[in-house]
Amino acid sequence: MSQRAGSRFWIAPAVWALAVSALLGAGLARLPWQFVDLYNNFYKASALSWRETISTAFGSGVEYRPLLIIGMKLAHQLVGLRQWVFQALVI
């Protein structure tokens, strides 16, 4: 096996993940997003410090979504509070 063929191994899984995400996004784009979820996630992203965000993400009890909470905080720091960012993180 040549070195060149081995370096392209990641292309097929990346294309597959992109295709599945695009199909899910197209299907979910027509559904309304609940205001309560948007508000709670946007509030946590804007009101909490990074230390509080990490402790909330890994210490909360009812809904356990640590990467969504951390991703929302990071997205808030990078691009601000936008609904399309939240939708992309959920997908």
Protein backbone atom coordinates (compact mmCIF):
# COMPACT_ATOMS: atom_id res chain seq x y z
CA MET A 1 0.00 0.00 0.00
CA SER A 2 1.40 3.36 -0.93
CA GLN A 3 1.66 6.18 1.53
CA ARG A 4 -0.61 8.29 -0.65
CA ALA A 5 -3.48 5.78 -0.52
CA GLY A 6 -3.24 5.52 3.26
CA SER A 7 -3.47 9.27 3.73
CA ARG A 8 -6.90 9.40 2.06
CA PHE A 9 -8.54 6.92 4.42
CA TRP A 10 -10.39 9.69 6.27
CA ILE A 11 -12.25 10.96 3.17
CA ALA A 12 -14.97 8.26 3.05
CA PRO A 13 -15.99 8.57 6.74
CA ALA A 14 -15.93 12.38 6.52
CA VAL A 15 -18.17 12.39 3.41
CA TRP A 16 -20.52 9.88 5.07
CA ALA A 17 -20.79 12.00 8.23
CA LEU A 18 -21.41 15.13 6.17
CA ALA A 19 -24.10 13.40 4.11
CA VAL A 20 -25.90 12.05 7.19
CA SER A 21 -25.73 15.47 8.88
CA ALA A 22 -27.09 17.17 5.76
CA LEU A 23 -29.98 14.70 5.54
CA LEU A 24 -30.82 15.15 9.23
CA GLY A 25 -30.58 18.91 8.85
CA ALA A 26 -32.88 18.93 5.84
CA GLY A 27 -35.43 16.81 7.66
CA LEU A 28 -35.29 18.79 10.90
CA ALA A 29 -35.23 22.23 9.26
CA ARG A 30 -39.00 22.22 8.85
CA LEU A 31 -39.71 21.45 12.51
CA PRO A 32 -40.27 24.33 14.92
CA TRP A 33 -37.68 24.70 17.69
CA GLN A 34 -39.00 25.03 21.19
CA PHE A 35 -38.49 28.43 22.75
CA VAL A 36 -37.77 26.96 26.19
CA ASP A 37 -34.78 24.94 24.94
CA LEU A 38 -33.40 27.92 23.04
CA TYR A 39 -33.81 30.22 26.01
CA ASN A 40 -32.25 27.83 28.52
CA ASN A 41 -29.24 27.11 26.36
CA PHE A 42 -28.70 30.74 25.36
CA TYR A 43 -29.06 31.86 28.97
CA LYS A 44 -26.48 29.36 30.20
CA ALA A 45 -24.09 30.37 27.43
CA SER A 46 -24.30 34.06 28.22
CA ALA A 47 -24.73 34.11 32.00
CA LEU A 48 -22.23 31.53 33.22
CA SER A 49 -18.47 31.84 33.39
CA TRP A 50 -16.30 29.11 31.88
CA ARG A 51 -15.73 27.55 35.31
CA GLU A 52 -19.48 27.51 36.01
CA THR A 53 -20.18 26.17 32.52
CA ILE A 54 -17.83 23.22 32.98
CA SER A 55 -19.20 22.39 36.43
CA THR A 56 -22.80 22.67 35.16
CA ALA A 57 -22.07 20.56 32.10
CA PHE A 58 -20.58 17.67 34.03
CA GLY A 59 -22.51 18.04 37.27
CA SER A 60 -26.12 18.58 36.24
CA GLY A 61 -28.68 15.91 36.87
CA VAL A 62 -31.85 15.98 34.76
CA GLU A 63 -30.53 16.30 31.22
CA TYR A 64 -27.00 15.19 30.67
CA ARG A 65 -25.65 16.96 27.57
CA PRO A 66 -22.19 18.22 28.49
CA LEU A 67 -20.92 18.75 24.96
CA LEU A 68 -23.99 20.77 23.98
CA ILE A 69 -23.56 23.09 26.98
CA ILE A 70 -19.84 23.54 26.33
CA GLY A 71 -20.44 23.89 22.58
CA MET A 72 -23.05 26.59 23.17
CA LYS A 73 -20.65 28.53 25.40
CA LEU A 74 -17.87 28.25 22.81
CA ALA A 75 -20.21 29.24 19.96
CA HIS A 76 -21.45 32.19 22.02
CA GLN A 77 -17.86 33.35 22.53
CA LEU A 78 -17.01 32.94 18.82
CA VAL A 79 -20.10 34.05 16.87
CA GLY A 80 -22.66 35.24 19.39
CA LEU A 81 -26.15 33.96 20.12
CA ARG A 82 -27.66 32.78 16.86
CA GLN A 83 -30.42 30.22 16.39
CA TRP A 84 -28.67 28.54 13.45
CA VAL A 85 -25.62 27.86 15.65
CA PHE A 86 -27.84 26.11 18.18
CA GLN A 87 -29.50 24.08 15.44
CA ALA A 88 -26.15 23.03 14.00
CA LEU A 89 -24.93 21.90 17.43
CA VAL A 90 -28.08 19.86 18.01
CA ILE A 91 -27.72 18.09 14.67
